[in-house]
Amino acid sequence: MTTRQHLLMMAIASVCFAGTQAANAMTREEYKAAKDKIEADYKSAKAQCDTLKDNAKDVCEKQAKGQENVAKAELEQQYKPSDSHARKVAEEKVKADYEVAKEKCDDMQGDAKNACQKEAKAVEAKGKADIKAMKKM
């Protein structure tokens, strides 16, 4: 690689780095707008659940609430990045996945339901263990 190519690559890299730093900075107004959008998205998703019945409606509502909670945690991480906010994102994802999986098990009966619940609990336990490992890093 010639010196000119090397300098060009370094210039491109520095522009990219500066661009990502600027993109990560979020103003208070952008934060509020993003938070309002999350709330609007949740209301819209929940309204779509109203067209469903029985357990399908319950599953839909758990998914909508989980997505809202994950989005709020991700927004906090984006607005004020920290290890604790990163863990909160991971915790909300595990919680949302568990709640939805548990709700889906309600459609089943007997051994199938028991197996489904055990699987949901095992996935949740693994997720919590992964989060615990994040704290030790």
Protein backbone atom coordinates (compact mmCIF):
# COMPACT_ATOMS: atom_id res chain seq x y z
CA MET A 1 0.00 0.00 0.00
CA THR A 2 1.39 3.39 -0.91
CA THR A 3 1.66 6.26 1.53
CA ARG A 4 -1.10 8.07 -0.31
CA GLN A 5 -3.47 5.08 -0.05
CA HIS A 6 -2.58 4.68 3.61
CA LEU A 7 -3.38 8.35 4.32
CA LEU A 8 -6.62 8.06 2.39
CA MET A 9 -7.66 5.01 4.43
CA MET A 10 -6.81 6.79 7.67
CA ALA A 11 -8.84 9.84 6.59
CA ILE A 12 -11.84 7.67 5.73
CA ALA A 13 -11.56 5.84 9.06
CA SER A 14 -11.42 9.09 11.03
CA VAL A 15 -14.46 10.47 9.19
CA CYS A 16 -16.36 7.26 9.91
CA PHE A 17 -15.36 7.40 13.57
CA ALA A 18 -16.40 11.04 13.90
CA GLY A 19 -19.67 10.24 12.16
CA THR A 20 -20.50 7.44 14.56
CA GLN A 21 -19.66 9.61 17.55
CA ALA A 22 -22.00 12.32 16.27
CA ALA A 23 -24.68 9.77 15.49
CA ASN A 24 -24.49 8.37 19.02
CA ALA A 25 -24.98 11.76 20.64
CA MET A 26 -28.67 12.24 21.29
CA THR A 27 -30.22 15.53 22.28
CA ARG A 28 -32.92 15.76 24.93
CA GLU A 29 -35.45 16.59 22.21
CA GLU A 30 -34.46 13.53 20.15
CA TYR A 31 -34.74 11.41 23.29
CA LYS A 32 -38.23 12.71 24.04
CA ALA A 33 -39.33 12.21 20.43
CA ALA A 34 -37.99 8.65 20.44
CA LYS A 35 -39.75 7.93 23.74
CA ASP A 36 -43.03 9.29 22.37
CA LYS A 37 -42.62 7.10 19.28
CA ILE A 38 -42.08 4.01 21.45
CA GLU A 39 -45.26 4.77 23.36
CA ALA A 40 -47.20 5.36 20.13
CA ASP A 41 -45.85 2.12 18.65
CA TYR A 42 -46.97 0.25 21.77
CA LYS A 43 -50.47 1.71 21.61
CA SER A 44 -50.70 0.76 17.93
CA ALA A 45 -49.46 -2.78 18.55
CA LYS A 46 -51.85 -3.20 21.49
CA ALA A 47 -54.74 -1.96 19.35
CA GLN A 48 -53.90 -4.64 16.77
CA CYS A 49 -54.12 -7.22 19.56
CA ASP A 50 -57.71 -6.19 20.20
CA THR A 51 -58.72 -7.85 16.92
CA LEU A 52 -57.55 -11.21 18.28
CA LYS A 53 -59.26 -13.53 20.74
CA ASP A 54 -58.38 -15.84 23.60
CA ASN A 55 -54.74 -16.78 24.09
CA ALA A 56 -53.65 -15.31 20.75
CA LYS A 57 -54.67 -11.91 22.13
CA ASP A 58 -52.76 -12.56 25.36
CA VAL A 59 -49.63 -13.57 23.41
CA CYS A 60 -49.93 -10.48 21.23
CA GLU A 61 -50.25 -8.22 24.26
CA LYS A 62 -47.19 -9.80 25.92
CA GLN A 63 -45.21 -9.30 22.70
CA ALA A 64 -46.30 -5.67 22.43
CA LYS A 65 -45.44 -4.92 26.06
CA GLY A 66 -42.11 -6.74 25.78
CA GLN A 67 -41.18 -4.80 22.65
CA GLU A 68 -42.06 -1.55 24.39
CA ASN A 69 -39.93 -2.39 27.44
CA VAL A 70 -36.96 -3.48 25.30
CA ALA A 71 -37.24 -0.36 23.15
CA LYS A 72 -37.30 1.87 26.24
CA ALA A 73 -34.23 0.12 27.66
CA GLU A 74 -32.42 0.44 24.32
CA LEU A 75 -33.32 4.12 24.20
CA GLU A 76 -31.85 4.67 27.66
CA GLN A 77 -28.68 2.87 26.57
CA GLN A 78 -28.48 5.03 23.47
CA TYR A 79 -29.16 8.25 25.39
CA LYS A 80 -26.85 7.54 28.34
CA PRO A 81 -24.62 4.55 27.48
CA SER A 82 -23.47 2.56 30.49
CA ASP A 83 -22.87 -1.00 31.59
CA SER A 84 -25.99 -0.91 33.75
CA HIS A 85 -28.14 0.24 30.82
CA ALA A 86 -26.63 -2.48 28.63
CA ARG A 87 -27.56 -5.06 31.28
CA LYS A 88 -31.06 -3.58 31.50
CA VAL A 89 -31.48 -4.09 27.74
CA ALA A 90 -30.42 -7.72 28.11
CA GLU A 91 -32.70 -8.20 31.13
CA GLU A 92 -35.71 -6.76 29.31
CA LYS A 93 -35.07 -9.02 26.30
CA VAL A 94 -34.89 -12.11 28.51
CA LYS A 95 -38.00 -11.07 30.41
CA ALA A 96 -39.97 -10.34 27.23
CA ASP A 97 -38.96 -13.64 25.62
CA TYR A 98 -39.92 -15.55 28.76
CA GLU A 99 -43.29 -13.84 29.14
CA VAL A 100 -44.21 -14.55 25.51
CA ALA A 101 -42.98 -18.15 25.66
CA LYS A 102 -44.86 -18.77 28.90
CA GLU A 103 -48.04 -17.32 27.41
CA LYS A 104 -47.71 -19.51 24.32
CA CYS A 105 -47.58 -22.55 26.60
CA ASP A 106 -51.10 -21.75 27.78
CA ASP A 107 -52.41 -23.06 24.44
CA MET A 108 -51.09 -26.51 25.32
CA GLN A 109 -52.23 -29.17 27.75
CA GLY A 110 -50.73 -31.95 29.83
CA ASP A 111 -47.18 -33.09 29.16
CA ALA A 112 -46.77 -30.76 26.19
CA LYS A 113 -47.63 -27.76 28.38
CA ASN A 114 -45.25 -28.93 31.12
CA ALA A 115 -42.44 -29.42 28.60
CA CYS A 116 -43.13 -26.01 27.08
CA GLN A 117 -43.01 -24.32 30.47
CA LYS A 118 -39.77 -26.11 31.40
CA GLU A 119 -38.20 -25.04 28.10
CA ALA A 120 -39.29 -21.43 28.65
CA LYS A 121 -37.87 -21.51 32.18
CA ALA A 122 -34.59 -23.05 30.95
CA VAL A 123 -34.17 -20.35 28.28
CA GLU A 124 -34.90 -17.69 30.88
CA ALA A 125 -32.36 -19.21 33.30
CA LYS A 126 -29.69 -19.25 30.58
CA GLY A 127 -30.44 -15.62 29.73
CA LYS A 128 -30.18 -14.62 33.38
CA ALA A 129 -26.88 -16.52 33.69
CA ASP A 130 -25.54 -14.66 30.66
CA ILE A 131 -26.55 -11.35 32.25
CA LYS A 132 -24.88 -12.34 35.51
CA ALA A 133 -21.72 -13.08 33.53
CA MET A 134 -21.93 -9.57 32.00
CA LYS A 135 -21.77 -8.10 35.51
CA LYS A 136 -18.52 -9.92 36.25
CA MET A 137 -16.76 -8.54 33.18
